[in-house]
Amino acid sequence: MSFRLRVLGLLMLVAMAATAATAWLTLRQANRQVQESVAAGRQEVSRITGDLRAYGFAHGTWEGLSPTVSRLAEDTGHRIRVATENDVLLADSDALEGRAPRPVSNQPPVLVDPRPLLRIPAGQLPRTSMKLTATAIAQYRAEAVYAACLTRAGAEVTARPDDTGVPRISTELRPEQCKEPKGEPDRQTPQDLEVIRTCESEQQFITCLRRVFNERVGSAAPPRLVIRLGVRDESPPTLAAAPTMAVAGGVALAAVLGALLLSRAVLRPVRAMTLAAGGLGEGDLGRRVPLSGRDEIAQLGRAFNRMADSIQSGEERQRRLIGDIAHELRTPLANLRGYLEALRDGVVEPTPELLDSLHEEALLQQRIVDDLQDLALAEAGVLTYHRVRVDLRELLEAAATAHRAQADAAGVALRLEAPQPVYVIADADRLRQVVGNLAGNALRATAPGGTVTLALAQHGDLAFLQVRDTGKGIPAEDLPHLFDRFWRADAARGRATGGSGLGLSIARQIVTDHQGTIAVESTVRVGTTFTVTLATSGPSPADAG
């Protein structure tokens, strides 16, 4: 799977999870709010019906009900229409607010009955007749209805005349017997079953009394109300899931678009680096990655370009090295071949002078090969060093003695400036090779009458070894190439003006392996100074004593 698909899938998963969690929390919160709103609506309906019933219970009439309806509509926010069961309009909150009444809601109406609910205390059922009026006729009517109710309830009714001859109805029902029988149902006795039947008769008796009460007070109590709340087509308080889903879809779409843009921004430089790497692998060493910005991808591109530069430089150095080696070896080998063929054919006599010249050419080729081997080992980090405590003053004295004859033959004064010993931990033979190379180059570059100076100084923990000459100098444009392989200031590459062209490269690598530096300063027709800087190893034991 490609990186873009992985990034896209990951971001989509995160976006969908976040969106689902957000939607779930939103729906849960909204449902809770809807439930709370429904509960609040029920409380408001209960308040409206309770206040209206209390008004009818207290006033015995519905006259003057309009202020109460207005107050309830303002407090609850409901449209309230109050009418009787015969659809006689008593009050409408829309009309009370001065606007045209709106169509009522399709919800079922709410009934309000202002009549009191007859409460009969437990254990105190009437044993005598109920006097509902003050006259005997009213008493008889009441006793007759009461007796009929008791009869339908299954009670044993008895009657006795009072002083006026009106029957007084009584029953032998004993409510104190209506208690929950003890014991398990399968173990109940006939007496327990009789008590259960007695209790059921008591409940029927109570219901009968309440019905009689309602019938008797119905003509005096206000009529029941039919209350309609709300407006037709008014949407109930429900949760609209569509906006939530739309927002969730928008969030997911934004996350997907962000993933696409992010993957494009990431993969474009990666694709460019892939193409450039493929080009490098096919030999196109000039391929580079276009850079922009300072982020990690840009840093990776810069690192890739630096690597490509290093590969290209190494390839160019390798080609140049091969060309330089071929150039260095072609001419002397051609000379050797020519002389050997002439000797074989008898064209040239093998004189001692000719044989010495051929031997010198062979030695030169051997030295080039040895120098190449030393340089390859040094650059590979496998050149062997035998590090000991070395006195640089003694090393310079030995170098001056070794080059004294060459200096005298060239007519050049060779001087030594080393006032005190300076000690370093190094390979004496390799440092002697460095100093010898620098001194030999200085003597060849100095005209007769000039001076070559080998100097030594110490500043703190650093030792400075210098080889100065008063020769012709090196042009500034040639200084950057001075340590390149096979480079010579003489464009003709004549061996009269230099050696193999590898000495300075080897000298720089040896100094670098000793954790030191080598630098050059030169002025045309004034002279050149090479400075080798090494870390000292402290004073000698004699100086310390």
Protein backbone atom coordinates (compact mmCIF):
# COMPACT_ATOMS: atom_id res chain seq x y z
CA MET A 1 0.00 0.00 0.00
CA SER A 2 1.32 3.42 -0.94
CA PHE A 3 2.17 6.09 1.59
CA ARG A 4 -0.64 8.31 0.34
CA LEU A 5 -3.24 5.59 0.89
CA ARG A 6 -1.87 4.85 4.35
CA VAL A 7 -1.97 8.54 5.35
CA LEU A 8 -5.42 8.94 3.83
CA GLY A 9 -6.73 5.85 5.58
CA LEU A 10 -5.27 6.89 8.91
CA LEU A 11 -6.67 10.41 8.74
CA MET A 12 -10.05 9.11 7.58
CA LEU A 13 -10.13 6.69 10.50
CA VAL A 14 -9.25 9.46 12.93
CA ALA A 15 -11.76 11.82 11.35
CA MET A 16 -14.55 9.24 11.36
CA ALA A 17 -13.82 8.30 14.96
CA ALA A 18 -13.77 11.95 16.03
CA THR A 19 -16.91 12.69 14.02
CA ALA A 20 -18.74 9.67 15.42
CA ALA A 21 -17.76 10.58 18.96
CA THR A 22 -18.85 14.19 18.41
CA ALA A 23 -22.14 13.11 16.84
CA TRP A 24 -22.80 10.63 19.64
CA LEU A 25 -22.13 13.22 22.31
CA THR A 26 -24.27 15.77 20.45
CA LEU A 27 -27.17 13.35 20.04
CA ARG A 28 -26.94 12.25 23.64
CA GLN A 29 -26.92 15.83 24.88
CA ALA A 30 -29.75 16.78 22.54
CA ASN A 31 -31.83 13.76 23.59
CA ARG A 32 -31.29 14.68 27.19
CA GLN A 33 -32.42 18.21 26.45
CA VAL A 34 -35.47 16.91 24.58
CA GLN A 35 -36.35 14.63 27.49
CA GLU A 36 -35.95 17.51 29.89
CA SER A 37 -38.09 19.65 27.60
CA VAL A 38 -40.79 16.98 27.47
CA ALA A 39 -40.69 16.60 31.24
CA ALA A 40 -40.94 20.36 31.60
CA GLY A 41 -43.90 20.35 29.19
CA ARG A 42 -45.65 17.73 31.28
CA GLN A 43 -45.06 19.79 34.37
CA GLU A 44 -46.49 22.84 32.60
CA VAL A 45 -49.59 20.88 31.53
CA SER A 46 -49.98 19.59 35.07
CA ARG A 47 -49.68 23.13 36.36
CA ILE A 48 -52.31 24.43 33.90
CA THR A 49 -54.85 21.73 34.75
CA GLY A 50 -54.12 22.00 38.46
CA ASP A 51 -54.62 25.79 38.53
CA LEU A 52 -57.85 25.60 36.50
CA ARG A 53 -59.26 22.84 38.70
CA ALA A 54 -58.33 24.79 41.80
CA TYR A 55 -60.14 27.82 40.37
CA GLY A 56 -63.37 25.85 39.74
CA PHE A 57 -63.08 24.04 43.11
CA ALA A 58 -62.74 27.32 44.97
CA HIS A 59 -65.16 29.54 43.04
CA GLY A 60 -67.87 27.05 42.11
CA THR A 61 -68.13 28.74 38.70
CA TRP A 62 -65.98 29.50 35.65
CA GLU A 63 -66.83 33.17 35.59
CA GLY A 64 -63.76 35.43 35.81
CA LEU A 65 -61.49 32.65 34.47
CA SER A 66 -59.83 34.82 31.76
CA PRO A 67 -57.10 36.43 33.95
CA THR A 68 -56.03 32.98 35.13
CA VAL A 69 -55.82 31.69 31.53
CA SER A 70 -53.78 34.76 30.48
CA ARG A 71 -51.38 34.30 33.36
CA LEU A 72 -50.91 30.59 32.63
CA ALA A 73 -50.33 31.22 28.90
CA GLU A 74 -47.71 33.88 29.67
CA ASP A 75 -45.92 31.74 32.26
CA THR A 76 -45.85 28.50 30.26
CA GLY A 77 -45.73 29.83 26.69
CA HIS A 78 -48.66 27.58 25.65
CA ARG A 79 -51.63 28.60 23.60
CA ILE A 80 -54.61 27.68 25.90
CA ARG A 81 -58.23 27.23 24.76
CA VAL A 82 -60.77 26.48 27.53
CA ALA A 83 -64.27 25.25 26.70
CA THR A 84 -66.97 23.11 28.32
CA GLU A 85 -67.84 19.58 27.26
CA ASN A 86 -70.63 21.12 25.17
CA ASP A 87 -67.97 23.19 23.32
CA VAL A 88 -68.98 26.44 24.98
CA LEU A 89 -65.86 28.63 24.75
CA LEU A 90 -64.87 30.11 28.10
CA ALA A 91 -61.42 31.61 27.36
CA ASP A 92 -58.76 31.60 24.60
CA SER A 93 -55.25 32.93 25.21
CA ASP A 94 -54.92 34.11 21.60
CA ALA A 95 -58.07 36.21 21.87
CA LEU A 96 -56.99 37.49 25.25
CA GLU A 97 -53.69 38.61 23.69
CA GLY A 98 -55.53 40.53 21.00
CA ARG A 99 -54.84 38.36 17.96
CA ALA A 100 -56.89 36.02 15.82
CA PRO A 101 -57.23 32.57 17.35
CA ARG A 102 -55.02 30.01 15.65
CA PRO A 103 -56.20 26.49 14.80
CA VAL A 104 -56.01 24.27 17.82
CA SER A 105 -53.53 21.41 18.04
CA ASN A 106 -54.40 17.88 16.95
CA GLN A 107 -53.29 16.52 20.30
CA PRO A 108 -56.01 14.99 22.53
CA PRO A 109 -57.67 17.54 24.81
CA VAL A 110 -57.18 17.58 28.55
CA LEU A 111 -60.27 17.24 30.81
CA VAL A 112 -60.55 19.20 34.04
CA ASP A 113 -63.25 18.14 36.55
CA PRO A 114 -63.67 20.69 39.37
CA ARG A 115 -65.90 18.44 41.49
CA PRO A 116 -64.41 17.26 44.74
CA LEU A 117 -63.35 13.67 45.13
CA LEU A 118 -65.18 11.96 47.94
CA ARG A 119 -62.74 10.58 50.50
CA ILE A 120 -63.98 7.94 52.92
CA PRO A 121 -61.66 7.35 55.90
CA ALA A 122 -60.57 3.76 56.26
CA GLY A 123 -62.42 1.90 58.99
CA GLN A 124 -65.14 4.52 59.21
CA LEU A 125 -67.72 3.34 56.66
CA PRO A 126 -71.16 4.73 57.41
CA ARG A 127 -73.44 2.45 59.40
CA THR A 128 -76.46 4.75 59.24
CA SER A 129 -78.15 6.53 56.44
CA MET A 130 -76.48 9.48 54.73
CA LYS A 131 -78.37 12.72 55.13
CA LEU A 132 -77.86 14.71 51.95
CA THR A 133 -80.68 17.27 52.38
CA ALA A 134 -82.58 18.85 55.25
CA THR A 135 -86.00 17.71 54.22
CA ALA A 136 -87.54 14.29 54.58
CA ILE A 137 -88.09 14.04 50.84
CA ALA A 138 -84.50 14.78 50.14
CA GLN A 139 -83.62 12.30 52.86
CA TYR A 140 -85.77 9.62 51.27
CA ARG A 141 -84.31 10.25 47.80
CA ALA A 142 -80.87 10.02 49.23
CA GLU A 143 -81.67 6.88 51.24
CA ALA A 144 -83.22 5.24 48.20
CA VAL A 145 -80.17 5.94 45.99
CA TYR A 146 -77.93 4.83 48.85
CA ALA A 147 -79.85 1.57 49.31
CA ALA A 148 -79.69 0.86 45.57
CA CYS A 149 -75.95 1.45 45.57
CA LEU A 150 -75.48 -0.91 48.55
CA THR A 151 -77.58 -3.53 46.91
CA ARG A 152 -75.52 -3.34 43.66
CA ALA A 153 -72.39 -3.58 45.82
CA GLY A 154 -73.63 -6.86 47.30
CA ALA A 155 -73.98 -5.59 50.86
CA GLU A 156 -76.63 -6.78 53.30
CA VAL A 157 -78.93 -3.79 53.54
CA THR A 158 -81.27 -3.24 56.44
CA ALA A 159 -83.80 -0.40 56.90
CA ARG A 160 -85.60 1.00 59.86
CA PRO A 161 -87.98 3.96 59.90
CA ASP A 162 -87.05 7.09 61.73
CA ASP A 163 -89.37 9.40 63.59
CA THR A 164 -90.73 10.69 60.27
CA GLY A 165 -91.11 7.22 58.81
CA VAL A 166 -88.31 7.70 56.35
CA PRO A 167 -86.27 4.52 56.11
CA ARG A 168 -82.79 4.67 57.45
CA ILE A 169 -80.48 2.40 55.50
CA SER A 170 -77.67 0.50 57.18
CA THR A 171 -75.36 -2.42 56.34
CA GLU A 172 -73.71 -5.12 58.33
CA LEU A 173 -70.38 -4.72 56.44
CA ARG A 174 -67.60 -4.59 59.00
CA PRO A 175 -64.59 -2.79 57.49
CA GLU A 176 -62.34 -3.84 60.36
CA GLN A 177 -62.44 -7.35 58.92
CA CYS A 178 -60.85 -6.09 55.67
CA LYS A 179 -57.31 -6.95 56.52
CA GLU A 180 -54.80 -8.95 54.51
CA PRO A 181 -55.16 -12.60 55.50
CA LYS A 182 -52.17 -14.30 56.95
CA GLY A 183 -50.60 -17.43 55.55
CA GLU A 184 -49.83 -18.69 52.08
CA PRO A 185 -52.58 -18.68 49.37
CA ASP A 186 -52.70 -22.45 49.15
CA ARG A 187 -53.20 -22.69 52.93
CA GLN A 188 -55.99 -20.05 53.32
CA THR A 189 -59.04 -21.10 55.27
CA PRO A 190 -62.71 -20.54 54.26
CA GLN A 191 -62.82 -17.70 56.77
CA ASP A 192 -59.89 -16.01 54.93
CA LEU A 193 -61.71 -16.33 51.63
CA GLU A 194 -64.78 -14.77 53.16
CA VAL A 195 -62.71 -11.80 54.36
CA ILE A 196 -61.32 -11.36 50.84
CA ARG A 197 -64.85 -11.27 49.43
CA THR A 198 -65.81 -8.80 52.13
CA CYS A 199 -62.90 -6.50 51.17
CA GLU A 200 -63.90 -6.63 47.51
CA SER A 201 -67.43 -5.63 48.49
CA GLU A 202 -66.00 -2.74 50.47
CA GLN A 203 -64.14 -1.41 47.38
CA GLN A 204 -67.33 -1.66 45.33
CA PHE A 205 -69.15 0.12 48.11
CA ILE A 206 -66.63 2.99 48.12
CA THR A 207 -66.88 3.31 44.32
CA CYS A 208 -70.67 3.36 44.62
CA LEU A 209 -70.62 6.09 47.20
CA ARG A 210 -68.34 8.24 45.09
CA ARG A 211 -70.61 7.82 42.06
CA VAL A 212 -73.63 8.80 44.11
CA PHE A 213 -71.71 11.80 45.44
CA ASN A 214 -70.79 12.95 41.97
CA GLU A 215 -74.35 12.54 40.73
CA ARG A 216 -75.73 14.52 43.62
CA VAL A 217 -73.27 17.40 43.37
CA GLY A 218 -73.10 17.48 39.56
CA SER A 219 -75.97 19.95 39.25
CA ALA A 220 -74.32 22.42 41.62
CA ALA A 221 -70.66 22.08 40.53
CA PRO A 222 -69.21 23.90 37.49
CA PRO A 223 -69.21 21.83 34.29
CA ARG A 224 -66.11 19.94 33.30
CA LEU A 225 -63.63 21.72 31.07
CA VAL A 226 -62.07 20.62 27.80
CA ILE A 227 -58.65 22.22 27.51
CA ARG A 228 -56.66 22.26 24.28
CA LEU A 229 -53.01 23.26 24.36
CA GLY A 230 -50.72 24.27 21.49
CA VAL A 231 -51.28 25.14 17.83
CA ARG A 232 -52.01 22.86 14.90
CA ASP A 233 -48.90 21.72 12.92
CA GLU A 234 -46.68 22.99 15.70
CA SER A 235 -43.55 20.78 15.70
CA PRO A 236 -42.98 18.99 18.99
CA PRO A 237 -39.66 19.35 20.75
CA THR A 238 -37.70 16.64 18.90
CA LEU A 239 -34.07 16.31 17.86
CA ALA A 240 -33.20 17.23 14.29
CA ALA A 241 -30.52 14.69 13.38
CA ALA A 242 -30.00 16.03 9.84
CA PRO A 243 -27.92 19.10 10.88
CA THR A 244 -25.79 16.94 13.15
CA MET A 245 -25.17 14.44 10.38
CA ALA A 246 -24.46 17.26 7.94
CA VAL A 247 -21.89 18.75 10.28
CA ALA A 248 -20.35 15.33 10.85
CA GLY A 249 -20.16 14.73 7.10
CA GLY A 250 -18.58 18.15 6.62
CA VAL A 251 -15.96 17.39 9.24
CA ALA A 252 -15.18 14.04 7.61
CA LEU A 253 -14.97 15.68 4.17
CA ALA A 254 -12.65 18.37 5.51
CA ALA A 255 -10.46 15.68 7.08
CA VAL A 256 -10.31 13.76 3.79
CA LEU A 257 -9.40 16.90 1.84
CA GLY A 258 -6.77 17.74 4.45
CA ALA A 259 -5.37 14.23 4.12
CA LEU A 260 -5.19 14.57 0.35
CA LEU A 261 -3.45 17.93 0.56
CA LEU A 262 -1.05 16.66 3.22
CA SER A 263 -0.20 13.53 1.27
CA ARG A 264 0.31 15.60 -1.86
CA ALA A 265 2.58 18.03 -0.06
CA VAL A 266 4.57 15.14 1.44
CA LEU A 267 4.72 12.89 -1.60
CA ARG A 268 5.65 15.52 -4.17
CA PRO A 269 9.20 16.03 -2.83
CA VAL A 270 9.46 12.32 -2.05
CA ARG A 271 8.55 11.51 -5.65
CA ALA A 272 11.11 14.06 -6.85
CA MET A 273 13.77 12.42 -4.66
CA THR A 274 12.77 9.02 -6.00
CA LEU A 275 13.21 10.18 -9.59
CA ALA A 276 16.51 11.87 -8.74
CA ALA A 277 17.76 8.75 -6.97
CA GLY A 278 16.78 6.67 -9.99
CA GLY A 279 18.69 9.08 -12.22
CA LEU A 280 21.76 8.83 -10.02
CA GLY A 281 21.55 5.07 -10.17
CA GLU A 282 21.45 5.24 -13.97
CA GLY A 283 24.52 7.46 -14.09
CA ASP A 284 22.94 10.92 -14.32
CA LEU A 285 25.05 12.51 -11.59
CA GLY A 286 23.69 15.98 -12.29
CA ARG A 287 20.18 15.22 -11.03
CA ARG A 288 19.10 17.29 -8.02
CA VAL A 289 15.93 17.76 -5.98
CA PRO A 290 14.18 21.16 -6.13
CA LEU A 291 13.98 22.63 -2.64
CA SER A 292 11.49 24.92 -0.93
CA GLY A 293 10.75 25.61 2.71
CA ARG A 294 12.54 24.66 5.91
CA ASP A 295 10.60 21.63 7.11
CA GLU A 296 11.87 18.08 7.53
CA ILE A 297 11.13 17.18 3.91
CA ALA A 298 13.21 20.14 2.74
CA GLN A 299 16.04 19.10 5.06
CA LEU A 300 15.87 15.60 3.60
CA GLY A 301 16.07 17.11 0.11
CA ARG A 302 19.13 19.17 1.06
CA ALA A 303 20.79 16.08 2.50
CA PHE A 304 20.02 14.22 -0.71
CA ASN A 305 21.51 17.01 -2.81
CA ARG A 306 24.63 17.05 -0.64
CA MET A 307 24.93 13.31 -1.09
CA ALA A 308 24.51 13.71 -4.86
CA ASP A 309 27.18 16.44 -4.87
CA SER A 310 29.51 14.16 -2.93
CA ILE A 311 28.86 11.27 -5.32
CA GLN A 312 29.40 13.50 -8.33
CA SER A 313 32.57 14.97 -6.86
CA GLY A 314 33.86 11.50 -6.00
CA GLU A 315 33.07 10.26 -9.48
CA GLU A 316 34.81 13.26 -11.03
CA ARG A 317 37.83 12.75 -8.76
CA GLN A 318 37.94 9.12 -9.68
CA ARG A 319 37.84 9.88 -13.40
CA ARG A 320 40.43 12.59 -12.96
CA LEU A 321 42.60 10.24 -10.91
CA ILE A 322 42.42 7.56 -13.56
CA GLY A 323 43.28 10.11 -16.23
CA ASP A 324 46.13 11.50 -14.16
CA ILE A 325 47.56 8.06 -13.49
CA ALA A 326 47.32 7.17 -17.16
CA HIS A 327 49.00 10.47 -18.06
CA GLU A 328 51.77 10.00 -15.51
CA LEU A 329 52.51 6.45 -16.57
CA ARG A 330 52.00 6.77 -20.34
CA THR A 331 55.05 8.88 -21.17
CA PRO A 332 57.69 7.06 -19.08
CA LEU A 333 56.30 3.68 -20.11
CA ALA A 334 56.37 4.75 -23.73
CA ASN A 335 60.00 5.83 -23.30
CA LEU A 336 60.89 2.56 -21.63
CA ARG A 337 59.13 0.59 -24.37
CA GLY A 338 60.86 2.57 -27.11
CA TYR A 339 64.32 2.12 -25.66
CA LEU A 340 63.71 -1.57 -24.96
CA GLU A 341 62.53 -2.17 -28.52
CA ALA A 342 65.52 -0.23 -29.85
CA LEU A 343 67.86 -2.29 -27.69
CA ARG A 344 66.19 -5.50 -28.86
CA ASP A 345 66.50 -4.48 -32.50
CA GLY A 346 70.11 -3.40 -32.05
CA VAL A 347 69.37 0.16 -33.03
CA VAL A 348 70.76 1.54 -29.76
CA GLU A 349 73.79 0.35 -27.92
CA PRO A 350 73.23 -0.55 -24.21
CA THR A 351 75.57 2.04 -22.80
CA PRO A 352 75.83 2.59 -19.03
CA GLU A 353 74.29 6.05 -19.37
CA LEU A 354 71.24 4.62 -21.19
CA LEU A 355 70.79 1.89 -18.65
CA ASP A 356 71.00 4.44 -15.78
CA SER A 357 68.30 6.54 -17.48
CA LEU A 358 66.04 3.54 -17.92
CA HIS A 359 66.59 2.57 -14.30
CA GLU A 360 65.67 6.11 -13.21
CA GLU A 361 62.45 5.91 -15.20
CA ALA A 362 61.60 2.57 -13.59
CA LEU A 363 62.25 4.02 -10.12
CA LEU A 364 59.97 6.96 -10.90
CA GLN A 365 57.13 4.63 -11.90
CA GLN A 366 57.76 2.59 -8.75
CA ARG A 367 57.54 5.74 -6.64
CA ILE A 368 54.28 6.77 -8.29
CA VAL A 369 52.81 3.36 -7.59
CA ASP A 370 54.03 3.46 -3.98
CA ASP A 371 52.61 6.95 -3.49
CA LEU A 372 49.26 5.85 -4.89
CA GLN A 373 49.21 2.91 -2.53
CA ASP A 374 50.06 5.10 0.47
CA LEU A 375 47.36 7.61 -0.49
CA ALA A 376 44.72 4.90 -0.96
CA LEU A 377 45.57 3.37 2.41
CA ALA A 378 45.54 6.77 4.11
CA GLU A 379 42.18 7.79 2.65
CA ALA A 380 40.74 4.39 3.56
CA GLY A 381 41.94 4.84 7.15
CA VAL A 382 44.07 1.68 7.13
CA LEU A 383 47.51 3.26 6.79
CA THR A 384 49.64 1.93 9.64
CA TYR A 385 50.96 4.47 12.16
CA HIS A 386 53.43 3.77 14.95
CA ARG A 387 52.77 6.61 17.36
CA VAL A 388 55.46 7.58 19.87
CA ARG A 389 56.64 10.72 21.62
CA VAL A 390 58.43 12.75 18.94
CA ASP A 391 60.62 15.84 19.32
CA LEU A 392 59.78 18.06 16.37
CA ARG A 393 63.05 19.99 16.67
CA GLU A 394 65.04 16.81 16.16
CA LEU A 395 62.76 15.89 13.25
CA LEU A 396 63.46 19.25 11.55
CA GLU A 397 67.19 18.92 12.15
CA ALA A 398 67.16 15.50 10.48
CA ALA A 399 65.19 16.89 7.53
CA ALA A 400 67.64 19.80 7.15
CA THR A 401 70.59 17.41 7.15
CA ALA A 402 68.91 15.17 4.55
CA HIS A 403 68.21 18.09 2.18
CA ARG A 404 71.46 19.98 2.72
CA ALA A 405 73.14 18.50 -0.34
CA GLN A 406 70.12 19.29 -2.56
CA ALA A 407 70.07 22.86 -1.26
CA ASP A 408 73.77 23.35 -1.89
CA ALA A 409 73.45 21.95 -5.41
CA ALA A 410 70.56 24.37 -6.13
CA GLY A 411 72.39 27.34 -4.61
CA VAL A 412 69.67 27.80 -1.98
CA ALA A 413 70.31 28.58 1.69
CA LEU A 414 68.61 26.09 4.04
CA ARG A 415 67.97 27.47 7.51
CA LEU A 416 66.60 25.99 10.74
CA GLU A 417 64.63 28.03 13.32
CA ALA A 418 63.82 25.75 16.27
CA PRO A 419 64.81 27.47 19.54
CA GLN A 420 63.36 24.76 21.83
CA PRO A 421 62.12 21.22 21.64
CA VAL A 422 58.40 20.62 21.08
CA TYR A 423 56.91 17.19 21.70
CA VAL A 424 53.97 15.50 20.01
CA ILE A 425 52.53 11.98 19.89
CA ALA A 426 52.96 10.92 16.27
CA ASP A 427 54.54 8.56 13.78
CA ALA A 428 58.05 9.98 13.30
CA ASP A 429 58.58 8.41 9.87
CA ARG A 430 55.27 9.72 8.49
CA LEU A 431 55.94 13.25 9.83
CA ARG A 432 59.43 13.06 8.35
CA GLN A 433 57.77 12.16 5.05
CA VAL A 434 55.56 15.24 5.29
CA VAL A 435 58.45 17.60 6.11
CA GLY A 436 60.62 16.04 3.40
CA ASN A 437 57.92 16.55 0.78
CA LEU A 438 57.39 20.19 1.79
CA ALA A 439 61.14 20.89 1.93
CA GLY A 440 61.80 19.24 -1.44
CA ASN A 441 58.97 21.25 -3.09
CA ALA A 442 60.32 24.46 -1.52
CA LEU A 443 63.87 23.82 -2.79
CA ARG A 444 62.61 23.11 -6.31
CA ALA A 445 60.48 26.26 -6.31
CA THR A 446 63.29 28.55 -5.06
CA ALA A 447 65.75 30.11 -7.48
CA PRO A 448 69.48 30.15 -6.72
CA GLY A 449 70.28 32.71 -4.05
CA GLY A 450 66.97 32.19 -2.31
CA THR A 451 66.27 30.82 1.14
CA VAL A 452 64.25 27.89 2.53
CA THR A 453 63.48 27.99 6.27
CA LEU A 454 62.36 25.17 8.52
CA ALA A 455 60.75 26.81 11.58
CA LEU A 456 59.18 25.47 14.80
CA ALA A 457 57.08 27.33 17.40
CA GLN A 458 54.71 26.48 20.23
CA HIS A 459 51.69 28.46 21.43
CA GLY A 460 49.79 26.89 24.29
CA ASP A 461 48.88 23.31 23.47
CA LEU A 462 49.59 23.69 19.75
CA ALA A 463 52.80 23.16 17.82
CA PHE A 464 53.35 25.08 14.56
CA LEU A 465 55.78 23.61 12.04
CA GLN A 466 56.50 25.88 9.04
CA VAL A 467 58.37 25.49 5.74
CA ARG A 468 59.00 28.92 4.18
CA ASP A 469 60.67 29.73 0.87
CA THR A 470 61.46 32.82 -1.16
CA GLY A 471 60.57 31.21 -4.45
CA LYS A 472 58.33 32.28 -7.29
CA GLY A 473 55.08 31.73 -5.29
CA ILE A 474 51.76 30.24 -6.29
CA PRO A 475 48.93 32.22 -7.94
CA ALA A 476 45.81 32.66 -5.81
CA GLU A 477 43.63 30.81 -8.31
CA ASP A 478 45.84 27.73 -8.00
CA LEU A 479 45.83 27.53 -4.19
CA PRO A 480 42.47 25.65 -3.90
CA HIS A 481 43.88 22.88 -6.14
CA LEU A 482 47.23 22.61 -4.44
CA PHE A 483 46.42 19.41 -2.54
CA ASP A 484 44.64 17.68 -5.42
CA ARG A 485 46.13 14.49 -6.81
CA PHE A 486 48.63 14.89 -9.66
CA TRP A 487 48.19 18.66 -9.65
CA ARG A 488 51.25 20.76 -10.43
CA ALA A 489 51.69 24.46 -10.79
CA ASP A 490 53.51 23.69 -14.04
CA ALA A 491 50.77 23.03 -16.62
CA ALA A 492 53.24 21.02 -18.73
CA ARG A 493 53.71 18.59 -15.84
CA GLY A 494 57.41 18.40 -16.41
CA ARG A 495 59.22 16.31 -13.89
CA ALA A 496 61.94 18.92 -13.72
CA THR A 497 59.57 21.16 -11.78
CA GLY A 498 57.96 18.55 -9.52
CA GLY A 499 57.56 14.95 -8.54
CA SER A 500 54.58 12.67 -9.03
CA GLY A 501 52.01 15.24 -7.97
CA LEU A 502 50.85 13.09 -5.06
CA GLY A 503 53.14 14.34 -2.31
CA LEU A 504 50.93 17.16 -1.03
CA SER A 505 47.81 14.94 -1.10
CA ILE A 506 49.65 12.33 0.95
CA ALA A 507 51.03 15.00 3.31
CA ARG A 508 47.55 16.43 3.97
CA GLN A 509 46.11 12.96 4.66
CA ILE A 510 48.93 12.12 7.09
CA VAL A 511 48.48 15.40 8.97
CA THR A 512 44.70 14.85 9.07
CA ASP A 513 45.20 11.36 10.50
CA HIS A 514 47.26 13.00 13.27
CA GLN A 515 44.27 15.28 14.08
CA GLY A 516 46.18 18.25 12.71
CA THR A 517 45.81 20.75 9.89
CA ILE A 518 47.98 21.94 7.02
CA ALA A 519 47.57 25.37 5.44
CA VAL A 520 49.38 27.37 2.76
CA GLU A 521 49.94 31.06 2.14
CA SER A 522 51.67 32.29 -1.00
CA THR A 523 52.47 35.49 -2.84
CA VAL A 524 53.71 35.49 -6.41
CA ARG A 525 57.43 36.44 -6.69
CA VAL A 526 57.61 36.67 -2.87
CA GLY A 527 57.38 33.13 -1.59
CA THR A 528 55.22 30.40 -0.06
CA THR A 529 54.67 29.24 3.53
CA PHE A 530 53.25 25.85 4.52
CA THR A 531 52.07 25.58 8.16
CA VAL A 532 51.41 22.26 9.90
CA THR A 533 49.53 22.50 13.21
CA LEU A 534 49.63 19.62 15.69
CA ALA A 535 48.57 19.14 19.30
CA THR A 536 51.49 18.95 21.74
CA SER A 537 51.91 16.27 24.35
CA GLY A 538 53.27 18.53 27.09
CA PRO A 539 56.86 19.22 28.18
CA SER A 540 59.54 16.58 28.18
CA PRO A 541 60.34 14.76 31.41
CA ALA A 542 63.62 16.73 31.69
CA ASP A 543 61.80 20.05 31.28
CA ALA A 544 59.19 18.99 33.82
CA GLY A 545 61.96 18.22 36.35
